[in-house]
Amino acid sequence: MSSLTTPAGRLGALARAELTLLGRSKATLLTAVVIPLVLPFSLRSFVDGMDVEESGLSVGLVLLPAAIGFALLFGVYSALVGVYTTRREELVLKRLRTGELRDGEILGGTALPVGATGIVQSLVLVAGSTVLLDLPAPHAPHLAVLGLLLGLVMCAALAAVTAAVTRTVESAQVTTLPFVLVSMTLSGVTVPLELLPDRLASVCELLPLSPVITLIRGGWTGTLSVYEALGALATALAWTVLAVFAVGRWFRWEPRR
């Protein structure tokens, strides 16, 4: 039996093809690679003005989760919305559905190169933060890894949901803004939830990216209780399941013309 007839073989073949296309798209590379690595540096002066020490945090413990959050928002979510929309409008998705590939394999294989880029970026950011921000080793690395993996899957699924309502590649810059702006301001990316009023923080904890940032930051601080970690995990899984359901129900495979 040919390896391409297995799910892993089909996913691998599609991911390799998508990686080639990703390398040819300067706009996607800018969104997926450059922006997430540059944006965190713009936050340094802003974070220096916060009283993060009063909450048991440091500049490094604020900037690293923020940097990974940017990688998820721009390197994975925003980039994938553009990719899915482009492939749909160019009839690539429609042609792929006529072959052996299943719907989940098409969406997953398309997302794999961007997801791999997000993982590499996160590793680079961790190494850079350790050296430049004197960041200590994580106290609960399993929580940080779990948070990153959940964030990758969730952002990929939410990207497919957003692509379903995105008519053109150009309009993707508009349709991605709500999730990006809300996540940046209220999910603990630019301002840790620990610094918000308790009532507001309780509401913000229910936003999609909040549990991801909570798990990543908690992986370094080691201060998350079992109850808090399970709560963040349940919230992240709930959003992921909801997004996957929405993709299966409303994702469009035909061009929106």
Protein backbone atom coordinates (compact mmCIF):
# COMPACT_ATOMS: atom_id res chain seq x y z
CA MET A 1 0.00 0.00 0.00
CA SER A 2 1.36 3.43 -0.94
CA SER A 3 2.20 5.70 1.99
CA LEU A 4 0.10 8.44 0.36
CA THR A 5 -3.05 6.36 0.87
CA THR A 6 -2.68 6.57 4.66
CA PRO A 7 -3.90 9.61 6.61
CA ALA A 8 -0.35 10.40 7.73
CA GLY A 9 0.95 10.15 4.18
CA ARG A 10 -1.78 12.39 2.81
CA LEU A 11 -1.25 14.94 5.57
CA GLY A 12 2.50 14.93 4.98
CA ALA A 13 2.15 15.43 1.24
CA LEU A 14 -0.30 18.29 1.68
CA ALA A 15 1.83 19.91 4.39
CA ARG A 16 4.92 19.80 2.14
CA ALA A 17 3.00 21.40 -0.71
CA GLU A 18 1.60 24.05 1.62
CA LEU A 19 5.08 24.77 3.02
CA THR A 20 6.30 25.44 -0.51
CA LEU A 21 3.43 27.85 -1.13
CA LEU A 22 4.03 29.53 2.23
CA GLY A 23 7.64 30.19 1.30
CA ARG A 24 6.53 31.94 -1.90
CA SER A 25 4.08 34.30 -0.18
CA LYS A 26 5.93 37.34 1.17
CA ALA A 27 2.79 38.76 2.79
CA THR A 28 2.05 35.53 4.67
CA LEU A 29 5.68 35.18 5.74
CA LEU A 30 5.62 38.74 7.08
CA THR A 31 2.47 38.02 9.10
CA ALA A 32 3.56 34.58 10.28
CA VAL A 33 7.24 35.13 11.00
CA VAL A 34 8.37 38.74 11.26
CA ILE A 35 5.51 40.49 13.10
CA PRO A 36 5.32 38.04 16.06
CA LEU A 37 9.07 38.36 16.62
CA VAL A 38 9.15 42.17 16.41
CA LEU A 39 5.99 43.17 18.31
CA PRO A 40 7.11 42.03 21.81
CA PHE A 41 10.01 44.51 21.75
CA SER A 42 7.51 47.37 21.43
CA LEU A 43 5.96 46.35 24.75
CA ARG A 44 9.14 46.61 26.83
CA SER A 45 8.75 50.26 27.83
CA PHE A 46 5.03 49.72 28.48
CA VAL A 47 5.68 46.75 30.78
CA ASP A 48 8.46 48.61 32.58
CA GLY A 49 5.82 51.13 33.65
CA MET A 50 3.63 48.48 35.28
CA ASP A 51 3.83 47.43 38.92
CA VAL A 52 4.18 43.78 37.97
CA GLU A 53 6.31 42.93 41.00
CA GLU A 54 3.33 43.51 43.29
CA SER A 55 1.57 40.61 41.55
CA GLY A 56 4.56 38.32 41.88
CA LEU A 57 5.56 38.75 38.25
CA SER A 58 8.61 40.11 36.46
CA VAL A 59 9.16 41.82 33.13
CA GLY A 60 10.19 38.50 31.62
CA LEU A 61 7.10 36.71 32.96
CA VAL A 62 4.94 39.36 31.29
CA LEU A 63 6.79 39.67 27.99
CA LEU A 64 7.30 35.97 27.21
CA PRO A 65 3.60 34.95 27.38
CA ALA A 66 2.82 38.16 25.47
CA ALA A 67 5.33 37.23 22.76
CA ILE A 68 3.89 33.72 22.44
CA GLY A 69 0.41 35.26 22.36
CA PHE A 70 1.49 37.46 19.46
CA ALA A 71 2.88 34.40 17.69
CA LEU A 72 -0.47 32.64 18.07
CA LEU A 73 -2.52 35.68 17.02
CA PHE A 74 -0.47 36.81 14.05
CA GLY A 75 1.72 33.85 13.16
CA VAL A 76 -1.06 31.25 13.37
CA TYR A 77 -4.55 32.76 13.49
CA SER A 78 -4.22 35.76 11.15
CA ALA A 79 -1.88 33.96 8.76
CA LEU A 80 -4.18 30.94 8.50
CA VAL A 81 -7.27 33.05 7.84
CA GLY A 82 -5.44 34.44 4.81
CA VAL A 83 -4.24 31.01 3.72
CA TYR A 84 -7.66 29.34 4.00
CA THR A 85 -9.34 32.23 2.19
CA THR A 86 -6.76 32.24 -0.59
CA ARG A 87 -6.93 28.49 -1.12
CA ARG A 88 -10.73 28.60 -1.22
CA GLU A 89 -10.94 31.49 -3.67
CA GLU A 90 -8.33 29.85 -5.93
CA LEU A 91 -10.42 26.63 -5.94
CA VAL A 92 -7.58 24.69 -4.32
CA LEU A 93 -9.78 23.41 -1.49
CA LYS A 94 -12.50 22.38 -3.91
CA ARG A 95 -10.04 20.37 -6.02
CA LEU A 96 -8.54 18.71 -2.96
CA ARG A 97 -11.98 17.48 -1.88
CA THR A 98 -12.32 15.52 -5.14
CA GLY A 99 -9.41 13.28 -4.15
CA GLU A 100 -8.74 10.93 -1.24
CA LEU A 101 -8.26 13.70 1.30
CA ARG A 102 -10.96 14.11 3.92
CA ASP A 103 -12.15 17.53 5.04
CA GLY A 104 -10.28 17.39 8.33
CA GLU A 105 -7.09 16.31 6.57
CA ILE A 106 -7.34 19.22 4.14
CA LEU A 107 -7.73 21.79 6.87
CA GLY A 108 -5.17 20.11 9.13
CA GLY A 109 -2.57 19.62 6.41
CA THR A 110 -2.96 23.24 5.34
CA ALA A 111 -2.42 24.39 8.92
CA LEU A 112 0.60 22.18 9.71
CA PRO A 113 3.37 24.42 8.26
CA VAL A 114 1.98 27.50 10.01
CA GLY A 115 1.60 25.54 13.24
CA ALA A 116 5.19 24.29 12.99
CA THR A 117 6.31 27.88 12.44
CA GLY A 118 4.47 28.88 15.62
CA ILE A 119 6.27 26.19 17.62
CA VAL A 120 9.69 27.24 16.29
CA GLN A 121 8.92 30.89 17.04
CA SER A 122 7.90 30.01 20.59
CA LEU A 123 11.16 28.12 21.15
CA VAL A 124 13.15 31.08 19.80
CA LEU A 125 11.20 33.45 22.06
CA VAL A 126 11.81 31.26 25.11
CA ALA A 127 15.55 31.11 24.38
CA GLY A 128 15.72 34.85 23.76
CA SER A 129 13.75 35.70 26.90
CA THR A 130 15.93 33.41 29.01
CA VAL A 131 19.07 35.21 27.84
CA LEU A 132 17.87 38.81 27.49
CA LEU A 133 15.27 39.02 30.28
CA ASP A 134 16.95 36.74 32.81
CA LEU A 135 13.92 34.45 32.76
CA PRO A 136 14.22 31.45 35.10
CA ALA A 137 13.49 27.88 34.10
CA PRO A 138 9.76 27.01 34.16
CA HIS A 139 8.51 25.48 37.41
CA ALA A 140 5.76 23.51 35.64
CA PRO A 141 6.89 23.09 32.01
CA HIS A 142 4.06 20.64 31.26
CA LEU A 143 1.53 23.45 31.75
CA ALA A 144 3.39 25.73 29.36
CA VAL A 145 3.62 23.02 26.71
CA LEU A 146 -0.04 22.13 27.15
CA GLY A 147 -1.04 25.78 26.86
CA LEU A 148 0.97 26.25 23.66
CA LEU A 149 -0.43 23.12 21.99
CA LEU A 150 -4.00 24.04 22.93
CA GLY A 151 -3.39 27.54 21.62
CA LEU A 152 -2.15 26.22 18.28
CA VAL A 153 -5.15 23.94 17.77
CA MET A 154 -7.65 26.55 18.96
CA CYS A 155 -6.23 29.34 16.79
CA ALA A 156 -6.19 27.05 13.74
CA ALA A 157 -9.83 26.13 14.30
CA LEU A 158 -10.84 29.75 14.91
CA ALA A 159 -8.98 30.74 11.75
CA ALA A 160 -11.11 28.32 9.73
CA VAL A 161 -14.25 29.77 11.36
CA THR A 162 -13.17 33.31 10.47
CA ALA A 163 -12.27 32.28 6.92
CA ALA A 164 -15.85 31.07 6.51
CA VAL A 165 -17.08 34.67 6.79
CA THR A 166 -14.16 36.24 4.95
CA ARG A 167 -14.92 37.05 1.31
CA THR A 168 -11.47 38.00 0.04
CA VAL A 169 -7.86 37.91 1.17
CA GLU A 170 -7.93 41.69 1.53
CA SER A 171 -10.97 41.58 3.82
CA ALA A 172 -9.15 39.13 6.09
CA GLN A 173 -7.35 42.13 7.57
CA VAL A 174 -10.76 43.30 8.82
CA THR A 175 -12.40 40.01 9.84
CA THR A 176 -9.43 39.03 12.02
CA LEU A 177 -9.37 42.33 13.92
CA PRO A 178 -12.09 41.57 16.54
CA PHE A 179 -10.44 38.43 17.88
CA VAL A 180 -6.94 39.92 17.68
CA LEU A 181 -7.83 43.17 19.45
CA VAL A 182 -9.96 41.54 22.15
CA SER A 183 -7.26 38.94 22.83
CA MET A 184 -4.46 41.52 22.95
CA THR A 185 -6.28 43.78 25.40
CA LEU A 186 -8.35 41.44 27.58
CA SER A 187 -6.78 37.96 27.46
CA GLY A 188 -3.65 38.73 29.45
CA VAL A 189 -1.39 39.28 26.45
CA THR A 190 -0.46 42.95 26.91
CA VAL A 191 -1.83 43.36 30.44
CA PRO A 192 -1.72 40.32 32.79
CA LEU A 193 -5.09 39.37 34.23
CA GLU A 194 -3.50 39.60 37.68
CA LEU A 195 -3.36 43.40 37.27
CA LEU A 196 -7.04 43.78 36.35
CA PRO A 197 -9.89 44.30 38.86
CA ASP A 198 -11.13 40.95 40.16
CA ARG A 199 -14.58 41.20 38.58
CA LEU A 200 -13.21 42.16 35.16
CA ALA A 201 -10.50 39.49 35.39
CA SER A 202 -13.15 36.83 36.13
CA VAL A 203 -14.97 37.73 32.91
CA CYS A 204 -11.77 37.96 30.86
CA GLU A 205 -10.72 34.48 32.01
CA LEU A 206 -13.54 33.08 29.85
CA LEU A 207 -12.19 34.56 26.59
CA PRO A 208 -10.65 32.06 24.12
CA LEU A 209 -6.97 32.99 24.47
CA SER A 210 -7.05 33.72 28.21
CA PRO A 211 -6.62 30.10 29.40
CA VAL A 212 -3.74 29.63 26.96
CA ILE A 213 -1.84 32.63 28.34
CA THR A 214 -2.74 31.56 31.89
CA LEU A 215 -1.28 28.08 31.37
CA ILE A 216 1.86 29.39 29.68
CA ARG A 217 2.54 31.99 32.39
CA GLY A 218 1.61 29.49 35.10
CA GLY A 219 4.11 27.06 33.63
CA TRP A 220 6.88 29.50 34.51
CA THR A 221 5.59 30.83 37.82
CA GLY A 222 4.41 27.47 39.15
CA THR A 223 1.72 29.30 41.15
CA LEU A 224 -1.34 27.80 39.43
CA SER A 225 -3.34 25.52 41.69
CA VAL A 226 -4.75 22.27 40.36
CA TYR A 227 -8.22 23.86 40.35
CA GLU A 228 -6.99 26.90 38.37
CA ALA A 229 -5.11 24.75 35.88
CA LEU A 230 -8.09 22.46 35.32
CA GLY A 231 -10.36 25.48 34.93
CA ALA A 232 -8.09 27.00 32.28
CA LEU A 233 -7.83 23.64 30.54
CA ALA A 234 -11.62 23.19 30.51
CA THR A 235 -12.15 26.70 29.09
CA ALA A 236 -9.60 26.17 26.34
CA LEU A 237 -11.05 22.79 25.41
CA ALA A 238 -14.58 24.20 25.37
CA TRP A 239 -13.61 26.95 22.93
CA THR A 240 -11.70 24.47 20.77
CA VAL A 241 -14.63 22.04 20.59
CA LEU A 242 -17.01 24.92 19.82
CA ALA A 243 -14.72 26.15 17.04
CA VAL A 244 -14.35 22.68 15.53
CA PHE A 245 -18.14 22.28 15.57
CA ALA A 246 -18.55 25.67 13.85
CA VAL A 247 -16.03 24.67 11.16
CA GLY A 248 -17.91 21.46 10.44
CA ARG A 249 -21.20 23.33 10.31
CA TRP A 250 -20.36 26.55 8.44
CA PHE A 251 -16.99 26.32 6.70
CA ARG A 252 -17.28 27.19 3.00
CA TRP A 253 -15.39 25.17 0.40
CA GLU A 254 -16.70 27.08 -2.60
CA PRO A 255 -15.46 30.59 -3.53
CA ARG A 256 -17.61 33.41 -2.15
CA ARG A 257 -18.64 35.17 -5.37
